[in-house]
Amino acid sequence: MSSVEFNTLLIGNADFLKSFAFTLTKDAEQAKDLYQETLFRALSNQEKYLEGTNIRAWLFTIMRNIFINHYRKKAKNRMIAEPSVSDFFLNYQQSPTTNKADTNLRIKDIHVAVYHLPQIFKQPFLLYYEGYKYFEIADILQEPLGTIKSRIHFARKILKTQVLRH
């Protein structure tokens, strides 16, 4: 299809875009911008239009995609750019003081609790803690996958009750 034929087809079928642009944007100026950008993109991507394809659907898709991309960009910029009350606290240069003794005692409690787990639960739990996947642990221990999952579940449950008691 020649450029002249495409331009004639485009102009003859572009009127419906004006009302659709206003429906999307709800603002006359933004609708004009969206309409112009749609026609520009259609002209610059003329080679992608397949002759015999519904040109209205093609133009509709271009406009809808432009609108969605602009909307996403605005939402992203709004999230990044809008200052809030919490920004003051985020930027406030006061560093908190922490008591590492409490954390160290908790870690020791957890290690003791893991050490006292029954061997049937301890071995799969430690492998899981080291980063192995359930199926890998099942292969290593030569146990069914469901058994491994339940043993790790029960190990967590036991550890939770023991650590919360201390």
Protein backbone atom coordinates (compact mmCIF):
# COMPACT_ATOMS: atom_id res chain seq x y z
CA MET A 1 0.00 0.00 0.00
CA SER A 2 1.39 3.39 -0.97
CA SER A 3 1.77 6.28 1.45
CA VAL A 4 -0.94 8.27 -0.31
CA GLU A 5 -3.42 5.37 -0.05
CA PHE A 6 -2.53 4.82 3.60
CA ASN A 7 -2.91 8.55 4.42
CA THR A 8 -6.31 8.64 2.72
CA LEU A 9 -7.43 5.54 4.62
CA LEU A 10 -6.07 6.96 7.88
CA ILE A 11 -7.74 10.37 7.55
CA GLY A 12 -11.02 8.80 6.44
CA ASN A 13 -11.16 6.63 9.55
CA ALA A 14 -9.60 8.83 12.21
CA ASP A 15 -12.65 10.89 13.25
CA PHE A 16 -13.88 8.32 15.75
CA LEU A 17 -10.55 8.69 17.58
CA LYS A 18 -11.39 12.20 18.79
CA SER A 19 -14.38 11.09 20.83
CA PHE A 20 -12.58 7.99 22.06
CA ALA A 21 -9.61 10.13 23.18
CA PHE A 22 -11.94 12.35 25.18
CA THR A 23 -13.61 9.29 26.70
CA LEU A 24 -10.23 8.06 27.90
CA THR A 25 -8.78 11.34 29.16
CA LYS A 26 -11.88 13.31 30.25
CA ASP A 27 -9.95 16.46 29.29
CA ALA A 28 -10.15 18.30 25.96
CA GLU A 29 -6.46 19.29 25.80
CA GLN A 30 -5.20 15.86 26.78
CA ALA A 31 -7.61 14.33 24.25
CA LYS A 32 -6.13 16.49 21.47
CA ASP A 33 -2.61 15.46 22.48
CA LEU A 34 -3.59 11.79 22.56
CA TYR A 35 -5.29 12.09 19.16
CA GLN A 36 -2.23 13.74 17.60
CA GLU A 37 0.18 11.25 19.10
CA THR A 38 -1.97 8.37 17.84
CA LEU A 39 -1.95 9.72 14.30
CA PHE A 40 1.80 10.35 14.52
CA ARG A 41 2.45 6.78 15.69
CA ALA A 42 0.16 5.39 13.01
CA LEU A 43 2.04 7.32 10.32
CA SER A 44 5.45 6.36 11.68
CA ASN A 45 4.43 2.70 11.88
CA GLN A 46 2.69 2.58 8.52
CA GLU A 47 4.75 -0.43 7.43
CA LYS A 48 3.28 -2.48 10.31
CA TYR A 49 -0.27 -2.04 9.05
CA LEU A 50 -1.38 -5.03 7.05
CA GLU A 51 -3.60 -4.18 4.08
CA GLY A 52 -7.10 -5.49 4.59
CA THR A 53 -6.88 -5.26 8.37
CA ASN A 54 -9.53 -3.25 10.20
CA ILE A 55 -7.86 0.16 10.40
CA ARG A 56 -10.23 1.38 13.10
CA ALA A 57 -9.25 -1.49 15.38
CA TRP A 58 -5.57 -0.86 14.61
CA LEU A 59 -5.88 2.86 15.46
CA PHE A 60 -7.95 2.07 18.54
CA THR A 61 -5.22 -0.27 19.80
CA ILE A 62 -2.51 2.34 19.22
CA MET A 63 -4.48 4.99 21.11
CA ARG A 64 -5.34 2.68 23.98
CA ASN A 65 -1.69 1.60 24.37
CA ILE A 66 -0.47 5.21 24.33
CA PHE A 67 -3.06 6.14 26.97
CA ILE A 68 -2.15 3.19 29.21
CA ASN A 69 1.58 3.92 28.94
CA HIS A 70 1.04 7.59 29.83
CA TYR A 71 -1.20 6.63 32.73
CA ARG A 72 1.39 4.21 34.10
CA LYS A 73 4.16 6.78 33.72
CA LYS A 74 2.09 9.40 35.56
CA ALA A 75 1.26 6.99 38.37
CA LYS A 76 4.92 6.03 38.72
CA ASN A 77 6.05 9.67 38.75
CA ARG A 78 3.35 10.56 41.25
CA MET A 79 4.52 7.82 43.58
CA ILE A 80 8.14 8.92 43.31
CA ALA A 81 7.73 12.69 43.26
CA GLU A 82 5.02 13.45 45.81
CA PRO A 83 6.57 14.32 49.17
CA SER A 84 4.71 13.18 52.22
CA VAL A 85 4.85 13.75 55.94
CA SER A 86 6.82 10.54 56.37
CA ASP A 87 9.57 11.90 54.09
CA PHE A 88 10.59 14.17 56.94
CA PHE A 89 11.17 11.18 59.17
CA LEU A 90 12.93 9.23 56.42
CA ASN A 91 15.35 12.06 55.81
CA TYR A 92 15.80 12.96 59.46
CA GLN A 93 19.45 12.27 60.33
CA GLN A 94 18.94 10.63 63.69
CA SER A 95 20.32 7.14 63.90
CA PRO A 96 18.58 4.72 66.20
CA THR A 97 20.49 2.96 68.91
CA THR A 98 20.09 -0.76 69.12
CA ASN A 99 20.68 -3.19 71.90
CA LYS A 100 22.53 -6.10 70.33
CA ALA A 101 22.60 -8.04 73.57
CA ASP A 102 18.91 -8.85 73.22
CA THR A 103 19.42 -9.96 69.61
CA ASN A 104 22.39 -12.13 70.55
CA LEU A 105 20.38 -13.80 73.33
CA ARG A 106 17.55 -14.53 70.85
CA ILE A 107 19.99 -16.09 68.39
CA LYS A 108 21.43 -18.28 71.14
CA ASP A 109 17.91 -19.35 72.12
CA ILE A 110 17.17 -20.29 68.52
CA HIS A 111 20.41 -22.27 68.19
CA VAL A 112 19.68 -24.15 71.42
CA ALA A 113 16.14 -24.88 70.26
CA VAL A 114 17.39 -26.21 66.92
CA TYR A 115 20.01 -28.33 68.72
CA HIS A 116 17.29 -29.90 70.88
CA LEU A 117 15.01 -30.76 67.96
CA PRO A 118 14.50 -34.49 67.45
CA GLN A 119 16.91 -35.77 64.76
CA ILE A 120 14.00 -36.69 62.47
CA PHE A 121 13.03 -32.98 62.29
CA LYS A 122 16.46 -31.38 62.75
CA GLN A 123 18.14 -32.85 59.67
CA PRO A 124 15.54 -31.73 57.07
CA PHE A 125 15.11 -28.36 58.81
CA LEU A 126 18.85 -27.61 58.75
CA LEU A 127 19.06 -28.55 55.06
CA TYR A 128 16.11 -26.28 54.34
CA TYR A 129 17.73 -23.51 56.40
CA GLU A 130 20.91 -23.90 54.34
CA GLY A 131 18.91 -23.15 51.20
CA TYR A 132 18.07 -26.54 49.77
CA LYS A 133 14.69 -26.94 48.06
CA TYR A 134 12.16 -29.47 49.32
CA PHE A 135 12.76 -31.87 46.42
CA GLU A 136 16.53 -31.67 46.92
CA ILE A 137 16.17 -32.52 50.62
CA ALA A 138 13.91 -35.44 49.69
CA ASP A 139 16.61 -36.74 47.32
CA ILE A 140 19.39 -36.30 49.89
CA LEU A 141 17.48 -38.01 52.69
CA GLN A 142 15.83 -40.59 50.42
CA GLU A 143 12.37 -39.70 51.79
CA PRO A 144 9.09 -38.82 50.04
CA LEU A 145 8.54 -35.14 49.31
CA GLY A 146 5.41 -34.93 51.49
CA THR A 147 7.29 -36.40 54.45
CA ILE A 148 10.02 -33.77 54.11
CA LYS A 149 7.49 -30.94 53.91
CA SER A 150 5.64 -32.13 57.01
CA ARG A 151 8.85 -32.65 59.01
CA ILE A 152 10.03 -29.13 58.21
CA HIS A 153 6.58 -27.81 59.10
CA PHE A 154 6.63 -29.58 62.47
CA ALA A 155 10.21 -28.43 63.12
CA ARG A 156 9.12 -24.82 62.61
CA LYS A 157 6.14 -25.35 64.88
CA ILE A 158 8.30 -26.84 67.64
CA LEU A 159 10.90 -24.06 67.30
CA LYS A 160 8.22 -21.41 67.45
CA THR A 161 6.78 -22.73 70.71
CA GLN A 162 10.24 -23.21 72.27
CA VAL A 163 11.56 -19.78 71.32
CA LEU A 164 8.37 -17.98 72.40
CA ARG A 165 8.54 -19.68 75.82
CA HIS A 166 12.00 -18.23 76.52
